N, C-alpha and C. Protein backbone atom coordinates (compact mmCIF):
# COMPACT_ATOMS: atom_id res chain seq x y z
N MET A 1 1.14 -1.32 0.17
CA MET A 1 0.23 0.00 0.13
C MET A 1 0.81 1.35 0.01
N LEU A 2 2.01 1.15 0.26
CA LEU A 2 3.01 2.33 0.39
C LEU A 2 3.41 2.35 -1.09
N ASP A 3 3.37 4.04 -1.47
CA ASP A 3 3.91 4.12 -2.43
C ASP A 3 5.26 4.73 -2.54
N LEU A 4 6.54 3.70 -2.44
CA LEU A 4 7.58 3.58 -2.29
C LEU A 4 8.16 2.70 -3.58
N PRO A 5 9.22 2.98 -4.09
CA PRO A 5 9.57 2.59 -5.08
C PRO A 5 10.12 0.89 -4.93
N ASN A 6 10.54 0.16 -3.71
CA ASN A 6 10.89 -1.16 -4.02
C ASN A 6 10.73 -1.74 -2.48
N LYS A 7 10.72 -2.76 -2.01
CA LYS A 7 10.57 -3.71 -0.80
C LYS A 7 11.33 -3.24 0.37
N GLU A 8 12.46 -2.68 -0.25
CA GLU A 8 14.03 -2.15 0.61
C GLU A 8 13.33 -0.97 1.44
N ALA A 9 13.01 -0.30 0.59
CA ALA A 9 12.37 1.05 1.03
C ALA A 9 11.40 1.34 1.79
N ARG A 10 10.24 0.03 1.62
CA ARG A 10 9.23 -0.08 2.35
C ARG A 10 9.44 -0.49 3.71
N GLN A 11 10.63 -1.33 4.05
CA GLN A 11 11.10 -2.03 5.03
C GLN A 11 11.52 -0.96 5.85
N LYS A 12 12.45 -0.27 5.51
CA LYS A 12 13.60 0.83 5.84
C LYS A 12 12.26 2.03 6.33
N ALA A 13 11.14 2.58 5.81
CA ALA A 13 10.00 3.60 6.22
C ALA A 13 9.27 2.64 7.53
N ASN A 14 8.90 1.30 7.36
CA ASN A 14 8.73 0.65 8.53
C ASN A 14 7.72 1.35 9.04
N CYS A 15 6.43 1.64 8.33
CA CYS A 15 5.18 2.60 8.55
C CYS A 15 4.09 1.80 7.97
N HIS A 16 4.39 0.58 7.94
CA HIS A 16 3.04 -0.17 7.16
C HIS A 16 2.02 -0.17 7.82
N ALA A 17 1.70 -0.39 9.16
CA ALA A 17 0.66 -0.46 10.15
C ALA A 17 -0.15 1.08 10.06
N SER A 18 0.60 2.12 10.48
CA SER A 18 0.18 3.45 10.49
C SER A 18 -0.46 3.75 9.24
N HIS A 19 -0.01 3.48 8.14
CA HIS A 19 -0.22 3.82 6.47
C HIS A 19 -1.61 3.36 6.53
N LYS A 20 -1.61 1.74 6.69
CA LYS A 20 -2.93 1.32 6.58
C LYS A 20 -4.07 1.80 7.32
N ALA A 21 -4.03 1.70 8.82
CA ALA A 21 -4.49 2.67 9.55
C ALA A 21 -5.43 3.82 9.20
N ASN A 22 -4.36 4.72 8.42
CA ASN A 22 -4.79 6.14 8.12
C ASN A 22 -5.82 5.87 6.81
N GLU A 23 -5.80 4.68 5.96
CA GLU A 23 -6.54 4.77 4.97
C GLU A 23 -7.79 4.36 5.19
N TYR A 24 -7.58 3.30 6.44
CA TYR A 24 -8.79 2.65 6.81
C TYR A 24 -9.85 3.57 7.61
N LYS A 25 -9.23 4.40 8.32
CA LYS A 25 -9.93 5.26 9.02
C LYS A 25 -10.42 6.34 8.45
N LEU A 26 -9.93 6.96 7.29
CA LEU A 26 -10.55 8.02 6.41
C LEU A 26 -11.50 7.45 5.50
N ASN A 27 -11.89 6.22 5.13
CA ASN A 27 -12.80 5.69 4.45
C ASN A 27 -14.00 5.26 4.97
N GLN A 28 -14.86 4.77 4.34
CA GLN A 28 -16.04 3.97 5.15
C GLN A 28 -16.22 2.58 4.78
N TYR A 29 -14.67 2.05 4.82
CA TYR A 29 -14.47 0.61 4.89
C TYR A 29 -15.13 -0.05 6.27
N LYS A 30 -15.76 -0.90 6.11
CA LYS A 30 -16.24 -1.93 7.30
C LYS A 30 -15.44 -2.88 7.60
N LEU A 31 -14.36 -3.48 6.81
CA LEU A 31 -13.53 -4.37 7.49
C LEU A 31 -12.21 -4.33 6.74
N PHE A 32 -11.20 -4.42 7.65
CA PHE A 32 -9.91 -4.61 6.90
C PHE A 32 -9.28 -6.11 7.04
N ILE A 33 -8.54 -6.65 6.24
CA ILE A 33 -7.95 -7.80 6.43
C ILE A 33 -6.54 -7.60 6.02
N GLU A 34 -5.73 -7.99 7.23
CA GLU A 34 -4.40 -8.21 7.34
C GLU A 34 -3.72 -9.17 7.56
N SER A 35 -2.39 -9.44 6.90
CA SER A 35 -1.99 -10.90 7.34
C SER A 35 -0.84 -10.98 8.19
N SER A 36 -0.72 -9.62 8.78
CA SER A 36 0.16 -9.85 10.19
C SER A 36 -0.34 -9.46 11.47
N LEU A 37 -0.32 -10.42 12.57
CA LEU A 37 -0.81 -10.12 13.79
C LEU A 37 -0.67 -8.73 14.31
N SER A 38 0.65 -8.33 14.60
CA SER A 38 0.90 -7.19 15.16
C SER A 38 0.43 -6.16 14.13
N GLN A 39 0.64 -6.07 12.90
CA GLN A 39 0.06 -4.69 12.27
C GLN A 39 -1.73 -4.66 12.39
N ALA A 40 -2.46 -5.92 12.63
CA ALA A 40 -3.71 -6.10 12.66
C ALA A 40 -4.00 -5.35 13.95
N LEU A 41 -3.45 -5.73 15.10
CA LEU A 41 -3.50 -5.27 16.15
C LEU A 41 -3.22 -3.63 16.47
N GLU A 42 -2.23 -3.35 15.91
CA GLU A 42 -1.83 -1.77 15.51
C GLU A 42 -3.20 -0.93 14.83
N ILE A 43 -3.45 -1.45 13.78
CA ILE A 43 -4.50 -0.97 12.80
C ILE A 43 -6.08 -1.13 13.61
N ASN A 44 -6.08 -1.76 14.23
CA ASN A 44 -7.35 -1.53 15.18
C ASN A 44 -7.67 -0.66 16.27
N ARG A 45 -6.16 -0.85 16.82
CA ARG A 45 -5.80 0.26 17.93
C ARG A 45 -6.21 1.51 17.29
N SER A 46 -5.55 1.92 16.01
CA SER A 46 -5.42 3.32 15.52
C SER A 46 -6.94 3.68 15.16
N THR A 47 -7.69 2.51 14.71
CA THR A 47 -8.69 3.21 14.01
C THR A 47 -10.23 2.54 14.90
N GLY A 48 -10.10 1.69 15.78
CA GLY A 48 -11.57 1.32 16.63
C GLY A 48 -12.34 0.49 15.72
N LYS A 49 -11.75 0.00 14.58
CA LYS A 49 -12.74 -0.81 13.54
C LYS A 49 -12.10 -2.63 13.27
N PRO A 50 -13.04 -3.30 13.47
CA PRO A 50 -12.59 -4.49 13.27
C PRO A 50 -11.35 -4.97 12.03
N VAL A 51 -10.69 -5.82 12.27
CA VAL A 51 -9.64 -6.28 11.39
C VAL A 51 -9.31 -7.83 11.64
N LEU A 52 -9.71 -8.41 10.34
CA LEU A 52 -9.41 -9.99 10.27
C LEU A 52 -7.93 -10.18 9.83
N CYS A 53 -7.37 -11.01 10.88
CA CYS A 53 -6.09 -11.40 10.71
C CYS A 53 -5.77 -12.61 10.20
N THR A 54 -5.32 -12.64 9.14
CA THR A 54 -5.37 -14.22 8.27
C THR A 54 -3.94 -14.71 8.83
N GLU A 55 -3.03 -14.59 9.86
CA GLU A 55 -2.06 -14.99 10.45
C GLU A 55 -2.94 -16.32 11.33
N ASN A 56 -3.67 -15.76 12.11
CA ASN A 56 -4.28 -16.48 13.34
C ASN A 56 -5.74 -16.57 12.80
N PHE A 57 -6.22 -16.12 11.49
CA PHE A 57 -7.59 -16.37 11.70
C PHE A 57 -8.81 -15.78 12.54
N GLU A 58 -8.34 -14.63 13.20
CA GLU A 58 -8.94 -14.12 14.34
C GLU A 58 -9.66 -12.75 13.76
N MET A 59 -10.51 -12.27 14.45
CA MET A 59 -11.11 -11.00 14.03
C MET A 59 -10.75 -9.83 14.90
N ILE A 60 -10.02 -9.20 15.28
CA ILE A 60 -9.49 -8.08 16.22
C ILE A 60 -10.08 -7.07 16.30
N PHE A 61 -11.13 -7.06 17.23
CA PHE A 61 -11.98 -5.65 17.54
C PHE A 61 -11.67 -5.32 19.12
N ASN A 62 -10.64 -5.42 19.69
CA ASN A 62 -10.60 -5.03 20.78
C ASN A 62 -10.56 -3.32 21.11
N SER A 63 -10.59 -2.46 20.24
CA SER A 63 -10.98 -1.16 20.45
C SER A 63 -12.24 -0.98 19.77
N GLN A 64 -13.60 -1.31 20.16
CA GLN A 64 -14.75 -1.14 19.47
C GLN A 64 -15.37 0.02 19.64
N SER A 65 -16.23 0.22 18.94
CA SER A 65 -16.84 1.76 19.29
C SER A 65 -18.33 1.25 19.65
N THR A 66 -19.24 2.20 20.42
CA THR A 66 -20.43 1.56 20.78
C THR A 66 -21.40 1.03 19.64
N LEU A 67 -21.28 1.92 18.63
CA LEU A 67 -22.11 1.08 17.35
C LEU A 67 -21.89 0.12 16.98
N TYR A 68 -20.31 -0.11 16.87
CA TYR A 68 -20.13 -1.58 16.40
C TYR A 68 -20.44 -2.52 17.31
N ASN A 69 -20.62 -2.06 18.55
CA ASN A 69 -20.93 -3.32 19.31
C ASN A 69 -22.40 -3.59 19.46
N ILE A 70 -23.10 -2.77 19.34
CA ILE A 70 -24.55 -2.75 19.15
C ILE A 70 -24.73 -3.54 17.71
N LYS A 71 -24.27 -3.48 16.95
CA LYS A 71 -24.45 -3.79 15.77
C LYS A 71 -23.88 -5.40 15.50
N ASN A 72 -23.03 -5.90 16.58
CA ASN A 72 -22.69 -7.23 16.40
C ASN A 72 -23.21 -7.96 17.60
N GLY A 73 -24.03 -7.12 18.36
CA GLY A 73 -24.55 -7.99 19.54
C GLY A 73 -24.26 -7.98 20.91
N GLN A 74 -22.98 -7.48 20.86
CA GLN A 74 -22.43 -7.24 22.24
C GLN A 74 -22.65 -6.49 23.24
N SER A 75 -23.50 -5.23 22.99
CA SER A 75 -23.84 -4.29 23.51
C SER A 75 -25.35 -4.30 22.95
N LEU A 76 -26.48 -4.28 24.43
CA LEU A 76 -27.96 -4.14 23.99
C LEU A 76 -28.21 -5.33 23.26
N PRO A 77 -28.11 -6.55 23.28
CA PRO A 77 -28.02 -7.62 22.18
C PRO A 77 -29.96 -7.46 21.56
N PHE A 78 -30.62 -6.99 22.49
CA PHE A 78 -32.00 -7.12 22.18
C PHE A 78 -32.52 -6.20 20.78
N ILE A 79 -31.21 -4.97 20.97
CA ILE A 79 -31.51 -4.22 19.51
C ILE A 79 -31.18 -4.81 18.51
N ARG A 80 -30.30 -5.70 18.71
CA ARG A 80 -29.90 -6.40 17.08
C ARG A 80 -30.48 -7.23 16.70
N LYS A 81 -31.32 -8.14 17.65
CA LYS A 81 -32.60 -9.28 17.70
C LYS A 81 -33.80 -8.57 16.89
N GLY A 82 -34.24 -7.41 17.55
CA GLY A 82 -35.24 -6.69 16.90
C GLY A 82 -34.97 -6.05 15.54
N LEU A 83 -33.71 -5.70 15.46
CA LEU A 83 -33.55 -5.50 13.97
C LEU A 83 -33.66 -6.05 12.62
N LEU A 84 -33.01 -7.67 13.60
CA LEU A 84 -33.23 -8.74 12.72
C LEU A 84 -34.37 -9.06 12.04
N LYS A 85 -35.30 -9.24 12.98
CA LYS A 85 -36.53 -9.47 12.88
C LYS A 85 -37.12 -8.41 12.21
N LEU A 86 -36.87 -7.27 12.14
CA LEU A 86 -37.72 -6.40 11.10
C LEU A 86 -36.94 -6.83 9.83
N ARG A 87 -35.66 -6.66 9.60
CA ARG A 87 -35.39 -6.98 8.52
C ARG A 87 -35.95 -8.12 7.40
N SER A 88 -36.08 -9.01 8.48
CA SER A 88 -36.65 -10.39 8.10
C SER A 88 -38.36 -10.02 7.49
N LEU A 89 -38.93 -9.44 8.25
CA LEU A 89 -40.45 -8.87 7.85
C LEU A 89 -40.06 -8.11 6.33
N ILE A 90 -39.61 -7.48 6.40
CA ILE A 90 -39.04 -6.55 5.01
C ILE A 90 -39.00 -7.52 4.25
N LYS A 91 -37.91 -8.00 4.02
CA LYS A 91 -37.92 -9.37 2.94
C LYS A 91 -38.91 -9.88 2.57
N LYS A 92 -39.90 -10.31 3.46
CA LYS A 92 -41.08 -11.29 3.15
C LYS A 92 -41.85 -10.40 2.31
N ILE A 93 -41.90 -8.73 2.56
CA ILE A 93 -42.81 -8.25 1.82
C ILE A 93 -42.52 -7.86 0.43
């Protein structure tokens, strides 16, 4: 993702995670997929958004927003259940 001439320059800059986090934070992306666990943790910490880590196939979401917690049912699960029922009813119509 870094716009540098070669692999050596990217390794020397050593700012992969911060660059990825900035791109993720500035856009309306809902999920970031990262192959490095250390970078996934940093991206999640910086953005507060979920990151799927393919190094260990875990969803990293330690820094969650209230809205994210409601959407996935961790906070106020009855709201999520109600919205899912509403979605099902709408689909039937």
